[in-house]
Protein backbone atom coordinates (compact mmCIF):
# COMPACT_ATOMS: atom_id res chain seq x y z
CA MET A 1 108.67 130.80 90.07
CA LYS A 2 110.69 131.89 87.33
CA PRO A 3 111.47 128.83 84.68
CA ILE A 4 114.77 127.42 84.71
CA THR A 5 116.38 125.31 82.21
CA PRO A 6 118.10 122.98 83.67
CA SER A 7 121.81 121.44 82.35
CA LEU A 8 121.43 117.72 83.22
CA SER A 9 122.64 114.70 81.78
CA ASP A 10 123.26 110.88 82.29
CA VAL A 11 121.85 109.43 85.86
CA PRO A 12 121.09 113.08 87.12
CA GLU A 13 118.88 113.50 84.14
CA THR A 14 116.67 110.74 85.35
CA MET A 15 115.43 113.02 88.36
CA LEU A 16 113.18 114.84 85.44
CA TRP A 17 112.02 111.41 84.61
CA THR A 18 110.66 110.61 87.85
CA LEU A 19 109.61 114.10 88.52
CA HIS A 20 107.17 113.88 85.02
CA ASN A 21 105.25 110.69 86.28
CA ARG A 22 105.05 111.81 89.95
CA ALA A 23 103.46 115.13 88.76
CA SER A 24 100.95 113.29 86.38
CA GLU A 25 99.67 111.75 89.66
CA ALA A 26 99.65 114.76 91.81
CA ALA A 27 97.62 116.78 89.14
CA ARG A 28 95.16 114.00 88.88
CA PRO A 29 92.20 114.18 91.16
CA ASP A 30 92.13 110.48 91.41
CA GLY A 31 95.94 110.35 91.73
CA CYS A 32 98.04 108.49 94.43
CA ILE A 33 99.85 111.22 95.89
CA ARG A 34 99.00 114.80 96.62
CA ASP A 35 101.92 116.96 96.25
CA PRO A 36 101.61 120.76 95.38
CA LYS A 37 105.31 121.27 95.77
CA CYS A 38 105.97 118.49 93.19
CA LEU A 39 103.83 120.36 90.84
CA GLU A 40 105.25 123.53 91.40
CA ILE A 41 108.54 122.30 90.44
CA TYR A 42 107.50 120.63 87.63
CA ARG A 43 105.66 123.60 86.39
CA ALA A 44 108.93 125.79 86.72
CA ILE A 45 111.37 123.63 84.74
CA ASP A 46 111.78 124.37 81.09
CA TYR A 47 111.88 121.02 79.76
CA ASP A 48 110.22 119.08 77.15
CA TYR A 49 109.27 115.98 79.31
CA GLU A 50 107.12 114.09 76.71
CA ARG A 51 109.81 114.41 74.08
CA SER A 52 112.55 112.46 76.17
CA PHE A 53 110.32 110.44 78.62
CA GLY A 54 106.77 109.92 76.65
CA ARG A 55 103.36 109.93 78.17
CA ALA A 56 103.54 110.03 81.71
CA GLU A 57 102.52 107.12 83.76
CA PRO A 58 101.88 106.17 87.36
CA SER A 59 104.91 104.17 88.53
CA HIS A 60 106.97 106.65 90.00
CA GLY A 61 103.84 108.13 91.73
CA VAL A 62 103.34 104.70 93.04
CA ARG A 63 106.65 104.23 94.35
CA SER A 64 106.48 107.19 96.31
CA GLN A 65 103.37 106.50 97.95
CA LEU A 66 104.43 102.91 99.08
CA CYS A 67 107.85 104.55 100.31
CA ASP A 68 105.69 107.36 102.23
CA ALA A 69 103.55 104.59 103.73
CA ARG A 70 106.36 102.65 105.11
CA LEU A 71 108.03 105.71 106.35
CA ARG A 72 105.18 106.78 108.10
CA GLU A 73 105.02 103.41 110.03
CA PHE A 74 108.97 103.93 110.99
CA LEU A 75 107.88 107.78 112.19
CA ALA A 76 105.02 106.32 113.97
CA GLU A 77 107.32 104.28 116.25
CA HIS A 78 110.63 106.74 115.73
CA PRO A 79 109.34 110.52 115.80
CA ASP A 80 112.85 111.64 115.98
CA GLY A 81 114.23 109.12 113.39
CA VAL A 82 116.92 109.99 110.97
CA ILE A 83 115.45 109.56 107.31
CA VAL A 84 118.29 109.59 104.82
CA ASN A 85 117.58 109.57 101.06
CA LEU A 86 119.88 108.59 98.66
CA GLY A 87 120.08 110.01 95.18
CA GLU A 88 116.74 111.95 96.28
CA GLY A 89 117.22 114.31 93.00
CA LEU A 90 113.71 116.18 93.11
CA GLU A 91 111.79 114.21 95.29
CA THR A 92 109.55 115.97 97.62
CA GLN A 93 108.64 113.81 100.29
CA ARG A 94 109.59 115.78 103.09
CA PHE A 95 106.67 118.15 101.97
CA ARG A 96 104.41 115.13 102.30
CA ILE A 97 105.09 114.13 105.50
CA ASN A 98 104.63 115.93 108.49
CA ALA A 99 107.57 114.94 111.06
CA PRO A 100 108.78 117.97 113.08
CA GLN A 101 111.13 115.68 115.10
CA ALA A 102 112.64 113.77 112.27
CA LEU A 103 115.87 114.94 110.92
CA TRP A 104 116.14 114.23 107.09
CA LEU A 105 119.53 113.80 104.69
CA SER A 106 119.24 114.18 101.26
CA ILE A 107 122.27 112.58 99.54
CA ASP A 108 123.11 113.05 95.75
CA LEU A 109 125.76 114.22 93.46
CA PRO A 110 126.91 117.96 93.46
CA GLU A 111 125.02 118.78 89.80
CA ALA A 112 121.77 117.11 91.30
CA ILE A 113 121.69 118.88 94.58
CA ALA A 114 122.51 122.11 92.75
CA VAL A 115 119.50 122.00 90.76
CA ARG A 116 117.70 120.59 93.93
CA GLU A 117 118.39 123.78 95.69
CA ARG A 118 116.94 125.91 93.11
CA PHE A 119 113.48 124.86 94.60
CA ILE A 120 114.28 123.26 98.01
CA GLN A 121 116.39 125.03 100.63
CA PRO A 122 118.10 123.00 103.22
CA ASP A 123 118.23 124.05 106.94
CA ALA A 124 118.77 122.57 110.17
CA GLN A 125 116.13 119.79 109.98
CA HIS A 126 116.73 119.09 106.20
CA LEU A 127 120.45 118.83 105.28
CA HIS A 128 121.65 118.67 101.71
CA ILE A 129 125.05 116.53 101.33
CA ALA A 130 126.34 116.99 97.76
CA ARG A 131 128.29 114.01 97.23
CA SER A 132 128.04 109.99 95.48
CA ALA A 133 126.20 107.70 97.95
CA LEU A 134 129.16 105.56 97.51
CA ASP A 135 131.22 108.16 99.27
CA THR A 136 130.41 106.85 103.19
CA ALA A 137 131.55 110.11 104.66
CA TRP A 138 127.89 111.06 104.67
CA PHE A 139 127.67 108.36 107.17
CA ASN A 140 129.20 111.17 109.81
CA ALA A 141 125.97 113.36 109.23
CA VAL A 142 123.89 110.79 110.95
CA PRO A 143 123.80 111.17 114.79
CA PRO A 144 124.48 108.19 116.97
CA GLY A 145 121.61 106.93 119.04
CA ARG A 146 118.69 107.72 116.57
CA ALA A 147 116.73 105.02 114.36
CA VAL A 148 117.45 105.23 110.82
CA PHE A 149 115.21 104.79 107.70
CA ILE A 150 117.59 104.77 104.62
CA CYS A 151 115.41 104.86 101.44
CA ALA A 152 117.17 104.54 97.85
CA GLN A 153 114.44 105.14 95.06
CA GLY A 154 115.95 104.87 91.78
CA LEU A 155 119.71 104.40 92.27
CA PHE A 156 120.84 101.05 93.33
CA MET A 157 120.00 100.03 89.33
CA TYR A 158 122.58 102.68 88.25
CA LEU A 159 125.48 101.23 90.30
CA ARG A 160 127.62 97.83 89.87
CA GLU A 161 126.90 95.04 91.85
CA GLN A 162 130.33 95.23 93.56
CA ASP A 163 129.21 98.92 94.41
CA VAL A 164 125.76 97.89 95.99
CA ALA A 165 127.26 95.01 97.87
CA GLN A 166 129.97 97.16 99.07
CA LEU A 167 127.57 100.22 100.21
CA VAL A 168 125.03 97.90 101.70
CA SER A 169 127.70 95.84 103.80
CA ALA A 170 129.08 99.44 104.83
CA MET A 171 125.57 100.65 105.96
CA ALA A 172 124.82 97.20 107.64
CA ALA A 173 128.24 97.81 110.09
CA ARG A 174 127.40 101.41 110.55
CA PHE A 175 123.67 101.44 111.10
CA PRO A 176 122.46 98.17 112.67
CA GLY A 177 118.55 97.86 112.93
CA ALA A 178 118.12 100.55 110.20
CA ILE A 179 115.26 100.21 107.56
CA LEU A 180 116.57 99.96 104.02
CA MET A 181 113.82 100.41 101.37
CA PHE A 182 114.71 100.27 97.62
CA ASP A 183 113.57 99.38 94.10
CA TYR A 184 115.33 97.24 91.63
CA LEU A 185 115.47 96.09 88.06
CA ASN A 186 115.22 92.97 86.90
CA ARG A 187 118.12 91.11 85.15
CA ALA A 188 116.61 91.13 81.61
CA LEU A 189 116.05 94.93 81.81
CA SER A 190 119.13 95.67 83.16
CA ARG A 191 120.88 93.51 80.24
CA ARG A 192 118.85 95.75 77.65
CA THR A 193 119.97 98.86 78.85
CA LEU A 194 123.70 97.39 78.48
CA SER A 195 123.10 96.25 74.81
CA ALA A 196 124.55 98.21 71.72
CA ARG A 197 121.16 99.82 71.17
CA GLY A 198 120.35 100.44 74.92
CA TRP A 199 117.05 101.17 76.15
CA MET A 200 115.28 103.57 74.18
CA LYS A 201 112.68 105.17 76.43
CA THR A 202 111.70 107.26 73.42
CA ARG A 203 113.28 107.98 70.03
CA HIS A 204 114.97 111.02 71.88
CA TYR A 205 116.02 109.45 74.81
CA ARG A 206 118.52 106.58 75.97
CA THR A 207 118.32 105.70 79.47
CA PRO A 208 121.50 105.65 80.92
CA PRO A 209 123.28 101.85 81.47
CA MET A 210 121.80 100.06 84.41
CA PRO A 211 124.32 97.66 85.30
CA TRP A 212 122.52 96.09 88.58
CA GLY A 213 120.02 93.71 87.73
CA ILE A 214 118.63 91.26 90.14
CA ASP A 215 115.62 88.81 90.10
CA ARG A 216 113.55 88.90 93.27
CA ASP A 217 113.95 85.12 94.59
CA GLN A 218 117.96 86.44 94.31
CA LEU A 219 117.47 89.32 96.74
CA ALA A 220 117.32 87.50 100.22
CA PRO A 221 120.38 85.52 99.41
CA SER A 222 122.47 88.27 97.79
CA PHE A 223 121.86 90.69 100.95
CA SER A 224 122.59 87.87 103.33
CA ARG A 225 125.91 87.10 101.73
CA TRP A 226 127.03 90.58 101.49
CA ILE A 227 126.13 91.54 105.00
CA GLY A 228 127.36 88.25 106.30
CA GLN A 229 124.14 87.38 108.15
CA PRO A 230 120.68 86.03 107.28
CA VAL A 231 118.26 88.99 106.42
CA GLU A 232 114.50 88.73 105.07
CA VAL A 233 113.48 90.72 102.40
CA HIS A 234 109.80 92.03 102.28
CA ASN A 235 108.29 92.69 98.83
CA VAL A 236 105.96 95.67 98.34
CA THR A 237 103.50 95.27 95.83
CA PHE A 238 103.40 97.86 92.93
CA LEU A 239 99.50 98.57 93.53
CA PHE A 240 98.48 100.72 90.94
CA PRO A 241 96.03 103.26 91.51
CA ARG A 242 93.69 102.73 88.37
CA GLY A 243 93.42 100.38 84.87
CA PRO A 244 94.53 97.09 84.24
CA LEU A 245 98.01 97.13 86.04
CA ARG A 246 95.89 97.57 89.09
CA TRP A 247 94.74 93.82 89.17
CA LEU A 248 97.21 91.82 86.69
CA ILE A 249 100.39 92.90 88.77
CA PRO A 250 99.10 91.72 92.15
CA LEU A 251 97.89 88.30 89.96
CA ILE A 252 101.33 87.90 88.36
CA GLU A 253 103.30 88.42 91.62
CA LYS A 254 101.59 85.03 92.49
CA THR A 255 103.20 83.50 89.71
CA PRO A 256 106.82 82.23 88.89
CA LEU A 257 106.86 85.30 86.51
CA GLY A 258 106.89 87.46 89.76
CA HIS A 259 110.35 86.85 90.53
CA LYS A 260 111.18 88.04 87.25
CA MET A 261 109.42 91.26 87.68
CA PRO A 262 111.23 94.73 88.84
CA GLY A 263 110.21 95.84 92.19
CA LEU A 264 110.28 97.38 95.58
CA CYS A 265 111.33 96.03 98.86
CA TRP A 266 112.40 96.88 102.18
CA LEU A 267 114.54 95.03 104.86
CA ARG A 268 115.95 95.76 108.33
CA LEU A 269 119.63 95.63 108.86
CA PRO A 270 120.64 92.86 111.25
CA GLY A 271 122.10 93.84 114.44
CA GLY A 272 119.66 96.39 116.01
């Protein structure tokens, strides 16, 4: 594959950050994911990953592993389900999971889809929709009568709270019973990204603003209010594959500090 130099900025550029971290795990013999397609894409992009994002770490590989595990549970019950990936970027989940009866929808901004299609082609089973996740016209691509799994990895934190609330409310009304899985930022880190200095990931890269931050104990009350019905939010512990974080994070989650950490969770939209 001929190397390419992507022209990305702002939120779409973050797809290279997550690619950097996922590829580092996929390349390790003891990595938490096996993903040859991820490595192929990573090596084909002419970009100084470490200059922008620093040394790779496992977080995004772990996030993908955990989302894969929940999706496999969903597909075991609904092999012909619809999988909606919001803000998918260069995520290669479809290559890690064997789901011959499922329909996959990748929703992302036009500039992000353009880069994705340099490496990953859509087909009848894997559709690409070049529009913002907030543009609910993508709802019409979901066939009626099929179970739905919606995954938003690395998306909601870049939206305003009112936009997250409006999107979640609309999805609940349209897809009752669907699974929604997403990661979120805590309030402290969100405020840091909005400060005058911002969050400097390295001296060469400032992350985009992340206006939506929330603490874990506010997830269920917020989503219940937005949807208009009580919902139960299930925390998914980030279990790192090695090092001190493997035991430290589960320990912290059992303390009051656990509610102040960024996290990953899923919920079932009520009504199904």
